[in-house]
Amino acid sequence: MKFKRQQREELELNLTPLIDVVFLLLIFFMVSTTFQKESEISLQLPKASESSSESNTDNIEVVINAAGRFFVNDQELVKSDAESLQAALYKLIDGNRDIPLTIRADAQTPHQSVVTAMDAAGQLGMLRMSIATSQTPE
């Protein structure tokens, strides 16, 4: 028996359809992916309630009128700057940094005045600070 050697055809793997499928999958995942923008700062937003939770009489109240003038416990400060407010708060807290502070500001108050009040309390290390809101009629 004489066997003839048959010539084999070279096998060739065509990668073009495979590459096409990979590109289609890549485009599908790029289009269908949703990106979530993460906030870099963690915030706890304030909530307004119907009744005041504080019934403590040792509460300090800072009122800021539309002109940006500061009133601490219904007494107007001579100067409306951070140092005067900080000095007035320092006298009232008398070393007790756990006294609650309520900031009440007119709707037309400059934002800088509210930030100044919060900064003055923060520099003194006051731990309990809240911003008063008014109820909107339903």
C-alpha atoms as a PDB file:
ATOM      1  CA  MET A   1       0.000   0.000   0.000  1.00  0.00           C
ATOM      2  CA  LYS A   2       1.352   3.179  -1.035  1.00  0.00           C
ATOM      3  CA  PHE A   3       0.034   6.211   0.763  1.00  0.00           C
ATOM      4  CA  LYS A   4       0.198   9.444  -0.923  1.00  0.00           C
ATOM      5  CA  ARG A   5       0.837  12.372   1.169  1.00  0.00           C
ATOM      6  CA  GLN A   6      -1.938  14.868   0.737  1.00  0.00           C
ATOM      7  CA  GLN A   7      -1.153  18.493   0.811  1.00  0.00           C
ATOM      8  CA  ARG A   8      -2.901  20.240   3.607  1.00  0.00           C
ATOM      9  CA  GLU A   9      -4.338  23.609   3.226  1.00  0.00           C
ATOM     10  CA  GLU A  10      -2.919  26.101   5.680  1.00  0.00           C
ATOM     11  CA  LEU A  11      -5.416  26.983   8.364  1.00  0.00           C
ATOM     12  CA  GLU A  12      -5.826  30.647   8.908  1.00  0.00           C
ATOM     13  CA  LEU A  13      -7.752  32.310  11.692  1.00  0.00           C
ATOM     14  CA  ASN A  14      -9.502  35.457  10.536  1.00  0.00           C
ATOM     15  CA  LEU A  15      -9.520  37.973  13.414  1.00  0.00           C
ATOM     16  CA  THR A  16     -11.516  40.680  11.677  1.00  0.00           C
ATOM     17  CA  PRO A  17     -14.975  39.527  12.868  1.00  0.00           C
ATOM     18  CA  LEU A  18     -13.625  39.053  16.394  1.00  0.00           C
ATOM     19  CA  ILE A  19     -12.212  42.591  16.447  1.00  0.00           C
ATOM     20  CA  ASP A  20     -15.510  43.951  15.111  1.00  0.00           C
ATOM     21  CA  VAL A  21     -17.438  42.251  17.899  1.00  0.00           C
ATOM     22  CA  VAL A  22     -15.032  43.562  20.557  1.00  0.00           C
ATOM     23  CA  PHE A  23     -15.372  47.117  19.238  1.00  0.00           C
ATOM     24  CA  LEU A  24     -19.166  46.826  19.203  1.00  0.00           C
ATOM     25  CA  LEU A  25     -19.142  45.625  22.825  1.00  0.00           C
ATOM     26  CA  LEU A  26     -16.819  48.462  23.788  1.00  0.00           C
ATOM     27  CA  ILE A  27     -19.092  51.037  22.163  1.00  0.00           C
ATOM     28  CA  PHE A  28     -22.162  49.467  23.802  1.00  0.00           C
ATOM     29  CA  PHE A  29     -20.641  49.661  27.294  1.00  0.00           C
ATOM     30  CA  MET A  30     -19.370  53.196  26.767  1.00  0.00           C
ATOM     31  CA  VAL A  31     -22.812  54.403  25.703  1.00  0.00           C
ATOM     32  CA  SER A  32     -24.818  52.538  28.326  1.00  0.00           C
ATOM     33  CA  THR A  33     -22.595  53.348  31.310  1.00  0.00           C
ATOM     34  CA  THR A  34     -23.834  56.107  33.591  1.00  0.00           C
ATOM     35  CA  PHE A  35     -21.288  58.104  35.486  1.00  0.00           C
ATOM     36  CA  GLN A  36     -22.149  59.245  38.967  1.00  0.00           C
ATOM     37  CA  LYS A  37     -20.559  62.470  40.116  1.00  0.00           C
ATOM     38  CA  GLU A  38     -19.466  61.978  43.691  1.00  0.00           C
ATOM     39  CA  SER A  39     -19.358  64.959  45.982  1.00  0.00           C
ATOM     40  CA  GLU A  40     -15.983  65.586  47.535  1.00  0.00           C
ATOM     41  CA  ILE A  41     -17.465  67.160  50.647  1.00  0.00           C
ATOM     42  CA  SER A  42     -19.859  65.323  52.910  1.00  0.00           C
ATOM     43  CA  LEU A  43     -22.673  67.625  54.014  1.00  0.00           C
ATOM     44  CA  GLN A  44     -25.467  67.261  56.505  1.00  0.00           C
ATOM     45  CA  LEU A  45     -28.169  69.636  55.338  1.00  0.00           C
ATOM     46  CA  PRO A  46     -30.347  71.399  57.922  1.00  0.00           C
ATOM     47  CA  LYS A  47     -34.002  70.527  58.346  1.00  0.00           C
ATOM     48  CA  ALA A  48     -36.744  72.902  59.382  1.00  0.00           C
ATOM     49  CA  SER A  49     -39.398  71.638  61.759  1.00  0.00           C
ATOM     50  CA  GLU A  50     -42.668  73.093  63.000  1.00  0.00           C
ATOM     51  CA  SER A  51     -41.652  73.563  66.607  1.00  0.00           C
ATOM     52  CA  SER A  52     -38.402  74.493  68.189  1.00  0.00           C
ATOM     53  CA  SER A  53     -36.664  71.565  69.834  1.00  0.00           C
ATOM     54  CA  GLU A  54     -34.763  73.865  72.187  1.00  0.00           C
ATOM     55  CA  SER A  55     -36.585  75.200  75.220  1.00  0.00           C
ATOM     56  CA  ASN A  56     -33.363  76.067  77.013  1.00  0.00           C
ATOM     57  CA  THR A  57     -33.073  79.622  78.338  1.00  0.00           C
ATOM     58  CA  ASP A  58     -29.238  79.547  78.080  1.00  0.00           C
ATOM     59  CA  ASN A  59     -29.585  79.906  74.340  1.00  0.00           C
ATOM     60  CA  ILE A  60     -27.582  82.629  72.523  1.00  0.00           C
ATOM     61  CA  GLU A  61     -29.381  84.292  69.638  1.00  0.00           C
ATOM     62  CA  VAL A  62     -27.583  86.286  66.950  1.00  0.00           C
ATOM     63  CA  VAL A  63     -29.942  88.340  64.781  1.00  0.00           C
ATOM     64  CA  ILE A  64     -28.708  89.896  61.547  1.00  0.00           C
ATOM     65  CA  ASN A  65     -30.868  92.573  59.952  1.00  0.00           C
ATOM     66  CA  ALA A  66     -31.095  93.440  56.240  1.00  0.00           C
ATOM     67  CA  ALA A  67     -28.285  95.993  56.586  1.00  0.00           C
ATOM     68  CA  GLY A  68     -25.928  93.371  58.013  1.00  0.00           C
ATOM     69  CA  ARG A  69     -25.970  94.698  61.596  1.00  0.00           C
ATOM     70  CA  PHE A  70     -25.496  92.142  64.402  1.00  0.00           C
ATOM     71  CA  PHE A  71     -27.720  91.881  67.490  1.00  0.00           C
ATOM     72  CA  VAL A  72     -26.620  89.432  70.194  1.00  0.00           C
ATOM     73  CA  ASN A  73     -29.486  88.538  72.555  1.00  0.00           C
ATOM     74  CA  ASP A  74     -31.388  91.669  71.406  1.00  0.00           C
ATOM     75  CA  GLN A  75     -28.453  94.033  72.030  1.00  0.00           C
ATOM     76  CA  GLU A  76     -26.940  95.722  68.994  1.00  0.00           C
ATOM     77  CA  LEU A  77     -23.186  95.550  68.585  1.00  0.00           C
ATOM     78  CA  VAL A  78     -21.290  98.806  68.166  1.00  0.00           C
ATOM     79  CA  LYS A  79     -19.366  97.500  65.145  1.00  0.00           C
ATOM     80  CA  SER A  80     -20.581  94.917  62.669  1.00  0.00           C
ATOM     81  CA  ASP A  81     -17.344  93.035  62.200  1.00  0.00           C
ATOM     82  CA  ALA A  82     -16.143  89.555  63.094  1.00  0.00           C
ATOM     83  CA  GLU A  83     -13.955  90.679  66.005  1.00  0.00           C
ATOM     84  CA  SER A  84     -16.808  92.516  67.787  1.00  0.00           C
ATOM     85  CA  LEU A  85     -19.159  89.566  67.319  1.00  0.00           C
ATOM     86  CA  GLN A  86     -16.536  87.112  68.509  1.00  0.00           C
ATOM     87  CA  ALA A  87     -15.826  89.223  71.617  1.00  0.00           C
ATOM     88  CA  ALA A  88     -19.549  89.447  72.448  1.00  0.00           C
ATOM     89  CA  LEU A  89     -19.995  85.688  72.022  1.00  0.00           C
ATOM     90  CA  TYR A  90     -16.881  84.985  74.095  1.00  0.00           C
ATOM     91  CA  LYS A  91     -18.315  86.994  77.018  1.00  0.00           C
ATOM     92  CA  LEU A  92     -21.629  85.131  76.817  1.00  0.00           C
ATOM     93  CA  ILE A  93     -20.325  81.583  76.570  1.00  0.00           C
ATOM     94  CA  ASP A  94     -17.931  82.062  79.514  1.00  0.00           C
ATOM     95  CA  GLY A  95     -15.897  78.989  78.554  1.00  0.00           C
ATOM     96  CA  ASN A  96     -18.953  76.745  78.020  1.00  0.00           C
ATOM     97  CA  ARG A  97     -18.755  75.890  74.312  1.00  0.00           C
ATOM     98  CA  ASP A  98     -21.843  73.658  74.477  1.00  0.00           C
ATOM     99  CA  ILE A  99     -24.336  76.547  74.703  1.00  0.00           C
ATOM    100  CA  PRO A 100     -26.665  76.455  71.671  1.00  0.00           C
ATOM    101  CA  LEU A 101     -26.340  79.335  69.212  1.00  0.00           C
ATOM    102  CA  THR A 102     -29.209  80.334  66.931  1.00  0.00           C
ATOM    103  CA  ILE A 103     -28.573  82.594  63.959  1.00  0.00           C
ATOM    104  CA  ARG A 104     -31.594  84.499  62.655  1.00  0.00           C
ATOM    105  CA  ALA A 105     -31.071  86.454  59.468  1.00  0.00           C
ATOM    106  CA  ASP A 106     -33.390  88.629  57.427  1.00  0.00           C
ATOM    107  CA  ALA A 107     -34.148  87.310  53.942  1.00  0.00           C
ATOM    108  CA  GLN A 108     -32.355  90.349  52.480  1.00  0.00           C
ATOM    109  CA  THR A 109     -29.248  89.926  54.674  1.00  0.00           C
ATOM    110  CA  PRO A 110     -25.981  89.744  52.747  1.00  0.00           C
ATOM    111  CA  HIS A 111     -24.655  86.196  52.684  1.00  0.00           C
ATOM    112  CA  GLN A 112     -21.271  87.422  53.935  1.00  0.00           C
ATOM    113  CA  SER A 113     -22.832  88.567  57.230  1.00  0.00           C
ATOM    114  CA  VAL A 114     -24.219  85.093  57.917  1.00  0.00           C
ATOM    115  CA  VAL A 115     -20.882  83.495  57.046  1.00  0.00           C
ATOM    116  CA  THR A 116     -19.124  85.974  59.353  1.00  0.00           C
ATOM    117  CA  ALA A 117     -21.418  84.999  62.242  1.00  0.00           C
ATOM    118  CA  MET A 118     -20.864  81.300  61.606  1.00  0.00           C
ATOM    119  CA  ASP A 119     -17.110  81.805  61.341  1.00  0.00           C
ATOM    120  CA  ALA A 120     -16.953  83.763  64.604  1.00  0.00           C
ATOM    121  CA  ALA A 121     -18.819  80.986  66.432  1.00  0.00           C
ATOM    122  CA  GLY A 122     -16.656  78.334  64.795  1.00  0.00           C
ATOM    123  CA  GLN A 123     -13.431  80.043  65.842  1.00  0.00           C
ATOM    124  CA  LEU A 124     -14.656  80.029  69.433  1.00  0.00           C
ATOM    125  CA  GLY A 125     -15.294  76.292  69.125  1.00  0.00           C
ATOM    126  CA  MET A 126     -19.030  76.474  69.688  1.00  0.00           C
ATOM    127  CA  LEU A 127     -20.444  73.008  69.155  1.00  0.00           C
ATOM    128  CA  ARG A 128     -24.191  73.610  68.747  1.00  0.00           C
ATOM    129  CA  MET A 129     -25.165  76.069  66.035  1.00  0.00           C
ATOM    130  CA  SER A 130     -28.433  76.326  64.120  1.00  0.00           C
ATOM    131  CA  ILE A 131     -29.974  78.681  61.609  1.00  0.00           C
ATOM    132  CA  ALA A 132     -33.565  79.733  62.319  1.00  0.00           C
ATOM    133  CA  THR A 133     -36.151  79.408  59.583  1.00  0.00           C
ATOM    134  CA  SER A 134     -39.731  80.578  59.360  1.00  0.00           C
ATOM    135  CA  GLN A 135     -42.697  78.447  58.455  1.00  0.00           C
ATOM    136  CA  THR A 136     -44.176  79.056  55.034  1.00  0.00           C
ATOM    137  CA  PRO A 137     -47.987  79.226  55.108  1.00  0.00           C
ATOM    138  CA  GLU A 138     -49.679  76.358  53.289  1.00  0.00           C
END
